[in-house]
C-alpha atoms as a PDB file:
ATOM      1  CA  UNK A   1     -68.459  42.498-218.987  1.00  0.00           C
ATOM      2  CA  UNK A   2     -68.581  38.812-220.177  1.00  0.00           C
ATOM      3  CA  UNK A   3     -66.869  37.826-222.815  1.00  0.00           C
ATOM      4  CA  UNK A   4     -68.340  36.530-226.787  1.00  0.00           C
ATOM      5  CA  UNK A   5     -66.460  33.123-225.883  1.00  0.00           C
ATOM      6  CA  UNK A   6     -67.194  30.254-223.899  1.00  0.00           C
ATOM      7  CA  UNK A   7     -64.666  27.312-223.295  1.00  0.00           C
ATOM      8  CA  UNK A   8     -65.290  23.873-223.408  1.00  0.00           C
ATOM      9  CA  UNK A   9     -63.080  20.867-223.160  1.00  0.00           C
ATOM     10  CA  UNK A  10     -61.813  20.551-226.849  1.00  0.00           C
ATOM     11  CA  UNK A  11     -63.259  23.772-228.781  1.00  0.00           C
ATOM     12  CA  UNK A  12     -64.272  27.480-227.881  1.00  0.00           C
ATOM     13  CA  UNK A  13     -67.674  28.921-228.835  1.00  0.00           C
ATOM     14  CA  UNK A  14     -67.838  32.358-230.347  1.00  0.00           C
ATOM     15  CA  UNK A  15     -70.861  34.722-230.820  1.00  0.00           C
ATOM     16  CA  UNK A  16     -70.351  36.894-233.713  1.00  0.00           C
ATOM     17  CA  UNK A  17     -72.894  39.876-235.082  1.00  0.00           C
ATOM     18  CA  UNK A  18     -71.841  39.906-238.584  1.00  0.00           C
ATOM     19  CA  UNK A  19     -71.968  42.967-240.782  1.00  0.00           C
ATOM     20  CA  UNK A  20     -72.028  41.699-244.344  1.00  0.00           C
ATOM     21  CA  UNK A  21     -71.168  44.045-247.160  1.00  0.00           C
ATOM     22  CA  UNK A  22     -69.030  46.035-244.685  1.00  0.00           C
ATOM     23  CA  UNK A  23     -66.506  47.502-246.516  1.00  0.00           C
ATOM     24  CA  UNK A  24     -63.418  45.826-244.991  1.00  0.00           C
ATOM     25  CA  UNK A  25     -63.281  42.585-243.528  1.00  0.00           C
ATOM     26  CA  UNK A  26     -62.344  43.293-239.831  1.00  0.00           C
ATOM     27  CA  UNK A  27     -63.171  43.145-236.119  1.00  0.00           C
ATOM     28  CA  UNK A  28     -65.043  46.201-234.388  1.00  0.00           C
ATOM     29  CA  UNK A  29     -64.567  45.435-230.980  1.00  0.00           C
ATOM     30  CA  UNK A  30     -66.861  43.134-228.410  1.00  0.00           C
ATOM     31  CA  UNK A  31     -70.527  45.099-227.843  1.00  0.00           C
ATOM     32  CA  UNK A  32     -73.358  43.774-225.343  1.00  0.00           C
ATOM     33  CA  UNK A  33     -76.905  43.907-226.698  1.00  0.00           C
ATOM     34  CA  UNK A  34     -79.965  45.148-224.651  1.00  0.00           C
ATOM     35  CA  UNK A  35     -80.423  41.346-223.199  1.00  0.00           C
ATOM     36  CA  UNK A  36     -76.896  41.275-221.600  1.00  0.00           C
ATOM     37  CA  UNK A  37     -75.609  39.143-224.262  1.00  0.00           C
ATOM     38  CA  UNK A  38     -71.940  39.731-225.414  1.00  0.00           C
ATOM     39  CA  UNK A  39     -70.879  39.568-228.586  1.00  0.00           C
ATOM     40  CA  UNK A  40     -67.955  40.057-231.165  1.00  0.00           C
ATOM     41  CA  UNK A  41     -68.626  42.888-233.927  1.00  0.00           C
ATOM     42  CA  UNK A  42     -67.181  41.774-237.132  1.00  0.00           C
ATOM     43  CA  UNK A  43     -67.666  42.987-240.883  1.00  0.00           C
ATOM     44  CA  UNK A  44     -66.697  41.443-244.258  1.00  0.00           C
ATOM     45  CA  UNK A  45     -66.663  42.731-247.379  1.00  0.00           C
ATOM     46  CA  UNK A  46     -68.729  39.682-249.052  1.00  0.00           C
ATOM     47  CA  UNK A  47     -72.608  39.747-249.616  1.00  0.00           C
ATOM     48  CA  UNK A  48     -75.025  38.158-247.526  1.00  0.00           C
ATOM     49  CA  UNK A  49     -76.346  35.670-250.554  1.00  0.00           C
ATOM     50  CA  UNK A  50     -75.515  31.885-250.926  1.00  0.00           C
ATOM     51  CA  UNK A  51     -73.291  31.858-247.627  1.00  0.00           C
ATOM     52  CA  UNK A  52     -70.617  34.143-248.765  1.00  0.00           C
ATOM     53  CA  UNK A  53     -70.783  36.344-245.837  1.00  0.00           C
ATOM     54  CA  UNK A  54     -70.277  33.033-243.653  1.00  0.00           C
ATOM     55  CA  UNK A  55     -67.483  32.119-245.488  1.00  0.00           C
ATOM     56  CA  UNK A  56     -65.657  35.237-245.433  1.00  0.00           C
ATOM     57  CA  UNK A  57     -66.509  35.339-241.692  1.00  0.00           C
ATOM     58  CA  UNK A  58     -64.935  31.906-240.892  1.00  0.00           C
ATOM     59  CA  UNK A  59     -61.865  32.660-242.797  1.00  0.00           C
ATOM     60  CA  UNK A  60     -61.449  35.920-241.500  1.00  0.00           C
ATOM     61  CA  UNK A  61     -61.888  34.118-237.774  1.00  0.00           C
ATOM     62  CA  UNK A  62     -59.602  31.618-238.889  1.00  0.00           C
ATOM     63  CA  UNK A  63     -56.619  33.560-240.172  1.00  0.00           C
ATOM     64  CA  UNK A  64     -57.154  35.711-236.762  1.00  0.00           C
ATOM     65  CA  UNK A  65     -56.481  32.868-234.538  1.00  0.00           C
ATOM     66  CA  UNK A  66     -53.948  31.086-236.633  1.00  0.00           C
ATOM     67  CA  UNK A  67     -56.100  27.994-237.220  1.00  0.00           C
ATOM     68  CA  UNK A  68     -57.135  26.085-240.178  1.00  0.00           C
ATOM     69  CA  UNK A  69     -60.682  27.148-241.761  1.00  0.00           C
ATOM     70  CA  UNK A  70     -61.753  23.598-241.510  1.00  0.00           C
ATOM     71  CA  UNK A  71     -61.531  24.026-237.618  1.00  0.00           C
ATOM     72  CA  UNK A  72     -64.007  26.923-237.603  1.00  0.00           C
ATOM     73  CA  UNK A  73     -67.671  26.003-238.112  1.00  0.00           C
ATOM     74  CA  UNK A  74     -71.110  27.810-237.837  1.00  0.00           C
ATOM     75  CA  UNK A  75     -73.109  26.194-234.944  1.00  0.00           C
ATOM     76  CA  UNK A  76     -76.049  28.518-235.856  1.00  0.00           C
ATOM     77  CA  UNK A  77     -77.170  31.779-237.325  1.00  0.00           C
ATOM     78  CA  UNK A  78     -76.861  30.861-241.000  1.00  0.00           C
ATOM     79  CA  UNK A  79     -79.136  33.323-242.121  1.00  0.00           C
ATOM     80  CA  UNK A  80     -79.069  35.500-239.184  1.00  0.00           C
ATOM     81  CA  UNK A  81     -76.710  38.463-238.566  1.00  0.00           C
ATOM     82  CA  UNK A  82     -76.053  36.901-234.620  1.00  0.00           C
ATOM     83  CA  UNK A  83     -73.745  33.686-235.177  1.00  0.00           C
ATOM     84  CA  UNK A  84     -72.138  30.996-232.722  1.00  0.00           C
ATOM     85  CA  UNK A  85     -69.071  29.955-234.001  1.00  0.00           C
ATOM     86  CA  UNK A  86     -67.345  26.891-232.979  1.00  0.00           C
ATOM     87  CA  UNK A  87     -63.470  26.935-233.053  1.00  0.00           C
ATOM     88  CA  UNK A  88     -61.460  23.874-232.732  1.00  0.00           C
ATOM     89  CA  UNK A  89     -58.249  24.045-230.907  1.00  0.00           C
ATOM     90  CA  UNK A  90     -56.669  24.603-227.293  1.00  0.00           C
ATOM     91  CA  UNK A  91     -59.588  26.964-225.829  1.00  0.00           C
ATOM     92  CA  UNK A  92     -57.556  28.841-223.498  1.00  0.00           C
ATOM     93  CA  UNK A  93     -54.841  29.686-226.481  1.00  0.00           C
ATOM     94  CA  UNK A  94     -57.792  30.675-228.728  1.00  0.00           C
ATOM     95  CA  UNK A  95     -59.466  32.710-226.067  1.00  0.00           C
ATOM     96  CA  UNK A  96     -56.022  34.922-225.139  1.00  0.00           C
ATOM     97  CA  UNK A  97     -55.837  35.200-229.173  1.00  0.00           C
ATOM     98  CA  UNK A  98     -59.231  36.130-229.229  1.00  0.00           C
ATOM     99  CA  UNK A  99     -58.719  38.962-226.407  1.00  0.00           C
ATOM    100  CA  UNK A 100     -56.066  40.129-227.955  1.00  0.00           C
ATOM    101  CA  UNK A 101     -58.277  40.812-231.193  1.00  0.00           C
ATOM    102  CA  UNK A 102     -61.263  42.573-229.520  1.00  0.00           C
ATOM    103  CA  UNK A 103     -58.751  44.839-227.931  1.00  0.00           C
END
């Protein structure tokens, strides 16, 4: 199985499938869709209005990998369930932390 993140020189890109209004802020493992794309499943308690769920996702990711919220940004998927996040920092270190999170 491939991983839902790709390493670049100074950052990592993470593909996430977000469930807003999910009852808790947590990661639910890695899944592969019918097209073979791998993504990290996440849920947040925030509702999907005015960017609240996206902000909650950024807060969850930044806290989980130990970087400032300002180092996590939304690349695509602002209104979609599938999102791509850019996480600035040492990509290999970030990948190790994400492997630990995803089980």
